[in-house]
Amino acid sequence: MTLSVVPAARDALDALAVPARPRVDPHDVVVPDGYRVEVVVVGLSFPTGMGIAPDGTVFLLEGGSTWPTRPYLPARVLRLTPDGHLDAIGEEPLGGPRGVAVHDGGLFVSDKGGYTSRIVRYDLASGERSVVVDGLPDGGWHEPGGPVFGPDGLMYFGQGSVSQNGVVLPQGFTVDLAKHPHAHDVPGQDVTLTGNNVQSYDPTSPYPYYVETGAFKPFGVPATPGEVVRGELKCSSGVWRCRPDGTGLELLAWGVRNPYGMAFSDDGGLYVSDNDYEETGDRAIANDPDRIWRIRTADLPHGSVSTPDWFGFPDICGDGLPVWHESHLPRRGTPAKPLLQDPPPWAGPAIYLDKPHSCMTKMDFCRSDAFGHRGRLFACEWGTLAPINSPRPEDPEHGFKVVAVDVGTGTAIDFAHNDRPGPASALGTAGLERPVDCAFSPDGRSLYLLDFGVARVEEAGMFAFAHTGVLWRITAGESV
C-alpha cells in the first residue's frame, strides 16, 4: 500500500495540521557542536521501532491502537526507501509491532501479544509472511524486545514481564485485565514461593471485594508457602536466541523486567536495556534505577547454556538491593515483601544505571569514526510516566533524551535532548517528545532517531496522540 507522502519545505514544519504537535523544529533539539539535526518524516502514529537495511532503506513500525481512548489505527510496517518513497508492506495483529531487524533477505518483526507475543518474518522479495517464534507469555504491561542478529548469525530477542511489580494487579493492566484475566508471569527456572500474597480490590466484582494474588499466578489466585512453580523455556522477563527460522531456541536469561532495547557491541557483547519498578499500587517499589545489562551467557556457544542468568525480577532492584530494602520503601502504595524463597544468584551488576522512570528503550552502538563517539552505546529514554508511576516531584523530568553510554566506565553524556527537561509539548517548544529508537545509517555518518510523539500523562492515565510521531536524523560533520 502506497502512502501519501508530501515533501515539505522547512517552513511547512511550523504549521502542521496536527493540534497536539503543530510545530516541529530541528533547532529546538540540542546536540553537541558539529552535528546537524533534520526532520525526515512527520505524521507517524505511535512509532515503536525501526531497522535499517544495508542499502539505507529504513523500516518503521507504527504500534497501532494498543493504547485506549482513540479511533482504530492500523499497526503497520512501513518502508522508507533512500529516494524518499514511503509505503506500507504489512499490518500486524495482536498488540502491534514493537521491534524490527533486517537479515538475509528477511524482515523480522516482534509483535506484542494478547496472551502471547511472537516474531514474524517478511520475505523482502516475495512479501510472504511467516511466524518463526510464538507463545511468549504476554497479555500485560511490558513489551517484546529485539529482535537483533548477533555476529554468529543467530536471532536474539526478549519478552518483558506480564506484571508491573511481580504480581498481577489491576493498576498494572488498565483495560488488559478485562481482556486477559488469566495472564500471569512465568519463571525461567523452578522457583519456590514464600507465600507472600498481595491483597487488592477486585475491579471485576459487582461489589467491593478483596482478593489475594501470588507471584506467577493469574489475578485472584493466591500462592502457598513453599509452593514450587516450574520454570519454562518460554517464560516472561526472558532473553533468548535461536536460528533465524526459529529452531534451536535457547533461554539465556530471565528476570529482566522489560528488555525493550537490545544491541551488540563491536566485540560481540549483547547489551539489553531494562526499566524500573513502579512506585504505586499494592506492591509499590521506590527509587529503582533504569539500567542496561550485559548478557554474558550470550558469549557462550549456542546450545551450551544449561542454566540461564537471573537479573532480579521480581525481588531485586537494578542496584542489586532487595525491593523491600529501606531505600526502596514507597511514599505511596503498599511496600513489597519477598516473593521468592532461596532465589537464584543475581547476575548483576548493571553496566549502567540511570534515574528512576527515565524509561530506557531501544539503542545502537556507534561503529564508525565518521560520527564520533565510536564504541559508545546510544540509548533512547522515552521519558517518565509520573505521576502515574511515581509521586516524587523530581521524576516528571526524567528521560526525554538520547544518552551516549560508555559501557566500560558505566558513565554517559546527554547527546540529544531539549533545552530543558521534559517533552517539547509541555515546554512550549518544538523539539523532542519521547525518543523510542535510534539506529546508525550504513555509512556511519548519521544517527536516525525515532520519536514516538505526544503522550500526555495525568493522574487518570496516559493519553497518546496519533500523527505526532517524527523520524529525525542527526548527521556528523555539519553544524546546526
Protein backbone atom coordinates (compact mmCIF):
# COMPACT_ATOMS: atom_id res chain seq x y z
CA MET A 1 0.00 0.00 0.00
CA THR A 2 1.48 3.33 -1.09
CA LEU A 3 1.11 6.15 1.41
CA SER A 4 0.55 9.80 0.75
CA VAL A 5 3.91 11.48 1.26
CA VAL A 6 4.45 15.16 0.58
CA PRO A 7 7.97 16.64 0.57
CA ALA A 8 7.78 19.85 2.53
CA ALA A 9 9.90 22.93 2.86
CA ARG A 10 11.31 23.67 6.26
CA ASP A 11 8.81 26.48 6.78
CA ALA A 12 5.96 23.96 6.47
CA LEU A 13 7.08 22.31 9.72
CA ASP A 14 5.92 25.42 11.53
CA ALA A 15 2.29 24.85 10.55
CA LEU A 16 1.46 21.15 10.81
CA ALA A 17 -2.18 20.12 10.68
CA VAL A 18 -1.95 18.25 13.99
CA PRO A 19 -3.18 20.25 17.00
CA ALA A 20 -1.31 18.08 19.52
CA ARG A 21 2.01 18.82 17.77
CA PRO A 22 1.54 21.79 15.44
CA ARG A 23 5.26 22.50 15.03
CA VAL A 24 8.48 20.53 14.62
CA ASP A 25 11.76 22.44 14.70
CA PRO A 26 15.24 20.86 14.44
CA HIS A 27 16.72 23.96 16.07
CA ASP A 28 14.94 23.02 19.30
CA VAL A 29 16.86 19.74 19.57
CA VAL A 30 20.11 20.25 21.47
CA VAL A 31 23.09 18.24 20.18
CA PRO A 32 26.86 18.75 20.53
CA ASP A 33 28.65 21.21 18.24
CA GLY A 34 29.43 19.78 14.83
CA TYR A 35 26.14 17.92 14.35
CA ARG A 36 23.09 18.84 12.31
CA VAL A 37 19.50 17.81 13.10
CA GLU A 38 16.91 17.45 10.35
CA VAL A 39 13.40 16.09 10.00
CA VAL A 40 12.89 13.07 7.73
CA VAL A 41 9.23 12.07 8.32
CA VAL A 42 6.40 13.65 10.31
CA GLY A 43 2.89 12.36 10.92
CA LEU A 44 3.71 8.87 12.20
CA SER A 45 1.21 7.28 14.60
CA PHE A 46 2.72 5.71 17.72
CA PRO A 47 6.02 4.59 16.11
CA THR A 48 7.66 1.89 18.24
CA GLY A 49 10.80 0.74 16.42
CA MET A 50 12.88 0.82 13.26
CA GLY A 51 15.52 -1.12 11.36
CA ILE A 52 17.87 -0.07 8.57
CA ALA A 53 18.90 -2.25 5.63
CA PRO A 54 22.44 -2.16 4.16
CA ASP A 55 21.17 -0.10 1.18
CA GLY A 56 19.82 2.61 3.53
CA THR A 57 16.15 1.59 3.42
CA VAL A 58 14.52 2.40 6.77
CA PHE A 59 11.73 0.16 8.08
CA LEU A 60 9.41 1.88 10.55
CA LEU A 61 6.83 0.34 12.86
CA GLU A 62 3.59 2.00 13.90
CA GLY A 63 2.16 0.48 17.08
CA GLY A 64 -1.50 0.96 16.17
CA SER A 65 -4.34 1.15 18.67
CA THR A 66 -2.58 -0.62 21.53
CA TRP A 67 -3.34 2.42 23.68
CA PRO A 68 -7.01 3.15 24.52
CA THR A 69 -9.26 6.19 24.05
CA ARG A 70 -8.96 6.75 20.29
CA PRO A 71 -10.43 5.53 16.99
CA TYR A 72 -8.86 2.47 15.42
CA LEU A 73 -5.45 2.93 13.81
CA PRO A 74 -3.65 0.14 11.94
CA ALA A 75 -0.43 -1.35 13.30
CA ARG A 76 1.73 -1.01 10.21
CA VAL A 77 5.15 -1.97 8.94
CA LEU A 78 6.39 0.92 6.78
CA ARG A 79 9.27 1.09 4.30
CA LEU A 80 11.13 4.32 3.51
CA THR A 81 13.50 3.92 0.56
CA PRO A 82 16.62 6.06 0.08
CA ASP A 83 14.85 8.04 -2.66
CA GLY A 84 12.08 9.05 -0.24
CA HIS A 85 9.33 6.61 -1.27
CA LEU A 86 7.22 5.50 1.70
CA ASP A 87 4.84 2.55 1.61
CA ALA A 88 3.26 0.02 3.95
CA ILE A 89 4.36 -3.56 3.42
CA GLY A 90 2.17 -5.14 6.08
CA GLU A 91 -0.12 -4.82 9.08
CA GLU A 92 0.36 -6.75 12.29
CA PRO A 93 -2.44 -8.06 14.55
CA LEU A 94 -2.41 -8.63 18.31
CA GLY A 95 -0.98 -5.61 20.14
CA GLY A 96 1.06 -4.31 17.23
CA PRO A 97 4.71 -4.47 16.15
CA ARG A 98 7.47 -3.40 18.54
CA GLY A 99 10.89 -4.27 17.07
CA VAL A 100 12.32 -4.97 13.63
CA ALA A 101 15.58 -6.25 12.14
CA VAL A 102 16.77 -6.86 8.58
CA HIS A 103 18.66 -10.11 7.99
CA ASP A 104 19.48 -12.25 4.97
CA GLY A 105 16.62 -11.13 2.75
CA GLY A 106 14.07 -11.11 5.55
CA LEU A 107 12.43 -8.53 7.77
CA PHE A 108 11.93 -9.88 11.30
CA VAL A 109 9.24 -8.17 13.40
CA SER A 110 8.34 -8.74 17.06
CA ASP A 111 4.65 -8.40 17.92
CA LYS A 112 3.16 -7.58 21.31
CA GLY A 113 0.51 -10.15 22.06
CA GLY A 114 -2.77 -10.92 23.67
CA TYR A 115 -1.87 -13.84 25.88
CA THR A 116 1.29 -14.44 23.82
CA SER A 117 3.80 -12.49 21.73
CA ARG A 118 5.55 -13.67 18.57
CA ILE A 119 8.17 -12.91 15.94
CA VAL A 120 7.25 -12.95 12.27
CA ARG A 121 9.36 -12.83 9.12
CA TYR A 122 8.57 -10.97 5.91
CA ASP A 123 10.39 -12.19 2.81
CA LEU A 124 11.54 -8.93 1.24
CA ALA A 125 11.48 -10.40 -2.27
CA SER A 126 8.06 -12.07 -2.23
CA GLY A 127 6.33 -10.29 0.66
CA GLU A 128 5.41 -13.66 2.19
CA ARG A 129 4.82 -13.51 5.96
CA SER A 130 5.53 -16.41 8.31
CA VAL A 131 5.64 -16.89 12.09
CA VAL A 132 9.07 -18.03 13.30
CA VAL A 133 8.62 -17.83 17.11
CA ASP A 134 5.33 -17.92 19.01
CA GLY A 135 3.97 -18.48 22.50
CA LEU A 136 5.97 -15.96 24.58
CA PRO A 137 3.90 -15.12 27.71
CA ASP A 138 2.30 -11.69 27.41
CA GLY A 139 -1.07 -10.06 27.97
CA GLY A 140 0.20 -7.48 30.43
CA TRP A 141 2.24 -4.38 30.96
CA HIS A 142 5.53 -4.96 29.16
CA GLU A 143 6.90 -5.47 25.69
CA PRO A 144 8.83 -7.81 23.43
CA GLY A 145 12.48 -6.80 22.93
CA GLY A 146 14.50 -7.09 19.76
CA PRO A 147 14.92 -8.91 17.54
CA VAL A 148 18.59 -8.30 16.78
CA PHE A 149 21.07 -10.52 14.99
CA GLY A 150 24.42 -11.35 16.51
CA PRO A 151 27.77 -11.83 14.79
CA ASP A 152 27.04 -15.57 14.97
CA GLY A 153 24.01 -15.11 12.66
CA LEU A 154 21.58 -16.09 15.42
CA MET A 155 18.48 -14.10 16.33
CA TYR A 156 18.30 -12.61 19.84
CA PHE A 157 15.11 -11.29 21.38
CA GLY A 158 13.34 -10.73 24.70
CA GLN A 159 9.93 -10.53 26.37
CA GLY A 160 9.09 -8.33 29.33
CA SER A 161 7.17 -9.29 32.44
CA VAL A 162 3.39 -9.58 32.43
CA SER A 163 3.04 -7.75 35.75
CA GLN A 164 4.44 -4.38 36.77
CA ASN A 165 5.99 -5.37 40.07
CA GLY A 166 5.89 -9.17 40.25
CA VAL A 167 2.21 -9.80 40.98
CA VAL A 168 -0.64 -9.35 38.50
CA LEU A 169 -2.68 -6.42 39.87
CA PRO A 170 -5.42 -4.16 38.48
CA GLN A 171 -3.32 -0.98 38.35
CA GLY A 172 -0.84 -2.70 36.02
CA PHE A 173 -3.42 -3.57 33.41
CA THR A 174 -5.91 -0.75 32.78
CA VAL A 175 -8.02 -2.44 30.07
CA ASP A 176 -5.95 -5.62 29.83
CA LEU A 177 -7.29 -7.26 32.99
CA ALA A 178 -10.70 -7.43 31.32
CA LYS A 179 -9.21 -8.82 28.10
CA HIS A 180 -6.74 -11.26 29.62
CA PRO A 181 -7.91 -12.34 33.09
CA HIS A 182 -5.72 -15.46 33.08
CA ALA A 183 -2.44 -13.76 32.16
CA HIS A 184 0.45 -14.26 34.56
CA ASP A 185 4.23 -14.26 34.76
CA VAL A 186 6.16 -17.46 34.08
CA PRO A 187 9.62 -18.11 35.60
CA GLY A 188 12.61 -19.25 33.58
CA GLN A 189 13.76 -21.63 36.34
CA ASP A 190 12.00 -23.62 39.04
CA VAL A 191 11.26 -21.25 41.93
CA THR A 192 9.91 -21.76 45.44
CA LEU A 193 7.40 -19.16 46.63
CA THR A 194 7.31 -17.50 50.04
CA GLY A 195 3.53 -17.35 50.01
CA ASN A 196 3.58 -13.57 50.49
CA ASN A 197 0.42 -12.79 48.61
CA VAL A 198 -0.78 -9.30 47.72
CA GLN A 199 -4.27 -8.21 48.73
CA SER A 200 -6.07 -5.87 46.36
CA TYR A 201 -9.51 -4.74 45.30
CA ASP A 202 -11.15 -6.79 42.55
CA PRO A 203 -12.46 -4.37 39.88
CA THR A 204 -14.27 -7.18 38.07
CA SER A 205 -16.56 -7.85 41.05
CA PRO A 206 -20.03 -6.22 41.11
CA TYR A 207 -19.50 -5.22 44.76
CA PRO A 208 -16.45 -4.26 46.90
CA TYR A 209 -14.40 -7.40 47.29
CA TYR A 210 -10.77 -8.06 48.08
CA VAL A 211 -8.73 -10.93 46.71
CA GLU A 212 -5.21 -12.26 47.22
CA THR A 213 -2.80 -12.86 44.37
CA GLY A 214 0.54 -14.66 44.40
CA ALA A 215 3.64 -14.45 42.22
CA PHE A 216 3.41 -16.27 38.87
CA LYS A 217 -0.38 -16.58 39.32
CA PRO A 218 -3.35 -15.05 37.48
CA PHE A 219 -5.11 -12.24 39.30
CA GLY A 220 -7.06 -13.52 42.30
CA VAL A 221 -5.12 -16.79 42.68
CA PRO A 222 -3.03 -16.97 45.88
CA ALA A 223 0.27 -18.77 46.36
CA THR A 224 1.11 -21.06 49.28
CA PRO A 225 4.35 -21.03 51.32
CA GLY A 226 6.88 -23.45 49.86
CA GLU A 227 4.96 -23.88 46.62
CA VAL A 228 7.19 -24.72 43.65
CA VAL A 229 6.46 -23.16 40.25
CA ARG A 230 8.22 -24.91 37.39
CA GLY A 231 10.39 -22.89 35.06
CA GLU A 232 9.65 -22.91 31.36
CA LEU A 233 11.71 -22.29 28.24
CA LYS A 234 9.14 -19.73 27.10
CA CYS A 235 8.95 -17.60 30.22
CA SER A 236 8.20 -13.94 30.83
CA SER A 237 11.04 -11.46 31.54
CA GLY A 238 13.29 -13.58 29.31
CA VAL A 239 16.07 -13.15 26.75
CA TRP A 240 16.56 -15.86 24.11
CA ARG A 241 18.42 -16.74 20.94
CA CYS A 242 17.63 -19.12 18.10
CA ARG A 243 18.33 -19.71 14.44
CA PRO A 244 16.59 -17.33 12.01
CA ASP A 245 13.94 -19.98 11.29
CA GLY A 246 13.04 -20.23 14.99
CA THR A 247 14.73 -23.56 15.69
CA GLY A 248 17.29 -24.13 18.42
CA LEU A 249 15.53 -21.85 20.92
CA GLU A 250 17.73 -21.22 23.97
CA LEU A 251 16.93 -19.20 27.11
CA LEU A 252 19.92 -17.02 28.02
CA ALA A 253 18.48 -15.02 30.90
CA TRP A 254 15.31 -14.19 32.76
CA GLY A 255 14.29 -11.74 35.46
CA VAL A 256 14.78 -8.81 33.06
CA ARG A 257 11.68 -6.74 33.74
CA ASN A 258 11.38 -5.03 30.36
CA PRO A 259 14.15 -5.89 27.86
CA TYR A 260 12.95 -3.50 25.16
CA GLY A 261 16.31 -2.35 23.78
CA MET A 262 18.97 -4.80 22.56
CA ALA A 263 22.30 -4.15 20.82
CA PHE A 264 25.60 -5.87 20.04
CA SER A 265 28.93 -4.13 20.56
CA ASP A 266 31.90 -4.37 18.20
CA ASP A 267 33.39 -7.13 20.35
CA GLY A 268 30.18 -9.20 20.16
CA GLY A 269 28.77 -8.40 23.61
CA LEU A 270 24.98 -8.34 23.99
CA TYR A 271 23.52 -5.40 25.93
CA VAL A 272 19.88 -5.06 27.00
CA SER A 273 18.01 -2.08 28.42
CA ASP A 274 15.59 -2.52 31.30
CA ASN A 275 13.07 -0.36 33.17
CA ASP A 276 12.47 0.15 36.87
CA TYR A 277 9.64 -1.00 39.13
CA GLU A 278 6.71 1.34 39.76
CA GLU A 279 6.08 3.28 42.97
CA THR A 280 2.37 2.66 43.03
CA GLY A 281 -0.26 0.11 43.91
CA ASP A 282 -0.40 -2.85 46.25
CA ARG A 283 3.27 -3.86 45.79
CA ALA A 284 4.94 -0.47 45.39
CA ILE A 285 8.72 -0.08 44.95
CA ALA A 286 10.53 3.27 45.03
CA ASN A 287 13.78 4.66 43.60
CA ASP A 288 14.60 1.73 41.35
CA PRO A 289 17.07 2.93 38.69
CA ASP A 290 16.68 2.27 34.98
CA ARG A 291 19.56 0.10 33.76
CA ILE A 292 21.48 -1.60 30.99
CA TRP A 293 22.59 -5.22 31.45
CA ARG A 294 25.38 -7.15 29.78
CA ILE A 295 24.03 -10.65 28.95
CA ARG A 296 27.15 -12.73 29.46
CA THR A 297 25.54 -16.08 28.65
CA ALA A 298 25.33 -14.79 25.06
CA ASP A 299 29.14 -15.20 24.92
CA LEU A 300 28.78 -18.98 25.27
CA PRO A 301 28.36 -21.32 22.27
CA HIS A 302 24.82 -21.83 21.04
CA GLY A 303 23.19 -24.74 22.85
CA SER A 304 25.58 -24.73 25.82
CA VAL A 305 23.56 -22.59 28.29
CA SER A 306 22.12 -25.11 30.74
CA THR A 307 21.16 -22.54 33.40
CA PRO A 308 20.01 -19.04 32.40
CA ASP A 309 21.23 -15.99 34.29
CA TRP A 310 18.74 -14.26 36.59
CA PHE A 311 18.62 -10.45 36.72
CA GLY A 312 16.38 -9.93 39.73
CA PHE A 313 12.71 -9.70 38.76
CA PRO A 314 10.54 -9.88 40.85
CA ASP A 315 12.60 -9.35 44.04
CA ILE A 316 15.80 -7.40 43.24
CA CYS A 317 16.13 -3.79 42.05
CA GLY A 318 18.56 -2.56 39.41
CA ASP A 319 21.05 -1.52 42.11
CA GLY A 320 21.19 -5.08 43.49
CA LEU A 321 19.20 -4.29 46.64
CA PRO A 322 16.01 -6.18 47.51
CA VAL A 323 12.73 -4.46 46.72
CA TRP A 324 11.92 -4.37 50.45
CA HIS A 325 15.17 -2.53 51.32
CA GLU A 326 14.63 0.75 53.18
CA SER A 327 15.93 2.75 50.21
CA HIS A 328 13.11 1.33 48.08
CA LEU A 329 10.22 1.83 50.53
CA PRO A 330 7.44 3.80 48.82
CA ARG A 331 5.82 7.08 49.73
CA ARG A 332 2.67 5.84 48.02
CA GLY A 333 1.29 2.31 47.94
CA THR A 334 1.95 -0.87 49.93
CA PRO A 335 5.61 -1.87 50.49
CA ALA A 336 6.83 -5.04 48.80
CA LYS A 337 7.63 -8.33 50.52
CA PRO A 338 9.82 -11.19 49.21
CA LEU A 339 8.14 -13.44 46.67
CA LEU A 340 10.94 -15.96 46.07
CA GLN A 341 12.39 -18.28 48.67
CA ASP A 342 16.09 -19.05 48.02
CA PRO A 343 16.22 -17.15 44.69
CA PRO A 344 18.87 -17.86 42.03
CA PRO A 345 22.19 -15.96 42.13
CA TRP A 346 21.85 -12.39 40.88
CA ALA A 347 23.61 -11.84 37.54
CA GLY A 348 24.34 -8.13 38.11
CA PRO A 349 25.62 -5.54 38.50
CA ALA A 350 24.29 -3.45 35.64
CA ILE A 351 26.84 -1.80 33.36
CA TYR A 352 24.88 1.48 33.54
CA LEU A 353 22.29 2.95 35.89
CA ASP A 354 20.12 5.99 35.21
CA LYS A 355 17.45 7.89 37.10
CA PRO A 356 14.23 6.07 38.00
CA HIS A 357 11.44 6.30 35.45
CA SER A 358 13.67 7.51 32.62
CA CYS A 359 12.13 4.64 30.62
CA MET A 360 15.10 3.32 28.64
CA THR A 361 14.02 1.94 25.28
CA LYS A 362 15.95 0.97 22.14
CA MET A 363 19.60 1.59 21.41
CA ASP A 364 22.51 1.13 18.99
CA PHE A 365 26.30 1.13 19.15
CA CYS A 366 28.35 3.64 17.17
CA ARG A 367 30.78 1.66 14.99
CA SER A 368 32.19 4.49 12.90
CA ASP A 369 34.79 7.20 13.43
CA ALA A 370 32.82 9.35 10.98
CA PHE A 371 30.15 10.09 13.59
CA GLY A 372 32.44 10.31 16.58
CA HIS A 373 31.93 8.55 19.91
CA ARG A 374 32.91 5.21 18.42
CA GLY A 375 32.15 2.36 20.81
CA ARG A 376 29.53 4.34 22.73
CA LEU A 377 26.07 2.86 23.18
CA PHE A 378 23.42 5.39 22.13
CA ALA A 379 20.28 4.72 24.19
CA CYS A 380 16.84 6.34 23.96
CA GLU A 381 14.91 7.39 27.04
CA TRP A 382 11.19 7.57 26.33
CA GLY A 383 10.50 9.53 29.49
CA THR A 384 8.62 9.19 32.72
CA LEU A 385 5.01 8.16 33.31
CA ALA A 386 4.91 10.14 36.55
CA PRO A 387 2.59 10.92 38.27
CA ILE A 388 1.04 7.55 37.35
CA ASN A 389 4.05 5.53 38.47
CA SER A 390 5.66 7.85 41.00
CA PRO A 391 4.55 10.59 43.41
CA ARG A 392 8.01 12.19 43.58
CA PRO A 393 8.21 15.78 42.26
CA GLU A 394 11.59 15.24 40.54
CA ASP A 395 10.52 12.24 38.45
CA PRO A 396 8.41 14.04 35.76
CA GLU A 397 11.67 15.46 34.33
CA HIS A 398 13.44 12.12 33.88
CA GLY A 399 14.11 10.87 30.36
CA PHE A 400 13.03 12.51 27.06
CA LYS A 401 16.51 12.30 25.54
CA VAL A 402 19.24 10.17 23.97
CA VAL A 403 22.31 9.35 26.02
CA ALA A 404 25.69 8.05 24.84
CA VAL A 405 26.89 5.41 27.29
CA ASP A 406 30.47 4.32 27.84
CA VAL A 407 29.86 0.65 28.69
CA GLY A 408 33.38 0.31 30.07
CA THR A 409 33.09 3.00 32.73
CA GLY A 410 29.33 2.98 33.27
CA THR A 411 29.09 6.71 32.55
CA ALA A 412 27.07 8.62 29.97
CA ILE A 413 26.64 12.02 28.37
CA ASP A 414 23.40 13.59 27.17
CA PHE A 415 23.63 13.60 23.39
CA ALA A 416 20.23 14.74 22.06
CA HIS A 417 17.71 16.49 24.27
CA ASN A 418 15.58 19.60 24.70
CA ASP A 419 16.98 22.76 26.28
CA ARG A 420 15.06 21.92 29.46
CA PRO A 421 13.98 18.53 30.86
CA GLY A 422 10.65 17.23 29.63
CA PRO A 423 8.77 16.71 26.35
CA ALA A 424 8.59 19.61 23.91
CA SER A 425 4.80 19.85 24.09
CA ALA A 426 5.00 20.51 27.85
CA LEU A 427 7.78 23.06 27.38
CA GLY A 428 6.09 25.04 24.62
CA THR A 429 8.87 24.19 22.15
CA ALA A 430 9.06 22.05 19.01
CA GLY A 431 11.86 19.59 19.74
CA LEU A 432 11.80 16.03 21.07
CA GLU A 433 8.75 14.40 22.61
CA ARG A 434 9.56 10.77 23.50
CA PRO A 435 12.59 9.10 21.85
CA VAL A 436 11.82 5.41 21.35
CA ASP A 437 14.53 4.10 18.98
CA CYS A 438 17.80 5.12 17.38
CA ALA A 439 19.92 3.44 14.72
CA PHE A 440 23.00 4.39 12.73
CA SER A 441 22.98 4.68 8.95
CA PRO A 442 25.03 2.14 6.98
CA ASP A 443 27.75 4.72 6.25
CA GLY A 444 28.04 5.57 9.96
CA ARG A 445 27.64 9.32 9.36
CA SER A 446 24.09 9.69 10.66
CA LEU A 447 22.00 8.63 13.63
CA TYR A 448 18.30 8.15 12.88
CA LEU A 449 16.13 8.98 15.89
CA LEU A 450 12.54 7.79 16.12
CA ASP A 451 10.25 9.95 18.25
CA PHE A 452 7.02 8.30 19.50
CA GLY A 453 5.20 11.61 19.63
CA VAL A 454 2.94 13.26 22.16
CA ALA A 455 1.90 11.18 25.17
CA ARG A 456 0.45 13.28 27.97
CA VAL A 457 0.40 11.80 31.44
CA GLU A 458 -2.12 12.70 34.13
CA GLU A 459 -3.22 11.05 37.36
CA ALA A 460 -6.11 9.48 35.41
CA GLY A 461 -3.85 7.86 32.81
CA MET A 462 -1.78 8.33 29.68
CA PHE A 463 -3.22 9.85 26.52
CA ALA A 464 -1.21 9.35 23.32
CA PHE A 465 -1.93 11.31 20.13
CA ALA A 466 -1.86 9.93 16.59
CA HIS A 467 0.09 11.57 13.74
CA THR A 468 2.56 13.19 16.14
CA GLY A 469 5.49 10.78 15.65
CA VAL A 470 8.65 12.04 13.94
CA LEU A 471 11.72 10.46 12.34
CA TRP A 472 14.74 12.72 12.91
CA ARG A 473 18.26 12.40 11.52
CA ILE A 474 21.41 13.67 13.25
CA THR A 475 24.43 13.94 10.96
CA ALA A 476 28.06 14.44 11.92
CA GLY A 477 30.37 16.97 10.33
CA GLU A 478 27.74 19.66 9.82
CA SER A 479 26.96 22.45 12.24
CA VAL A 480 23.41 23.20 13.24
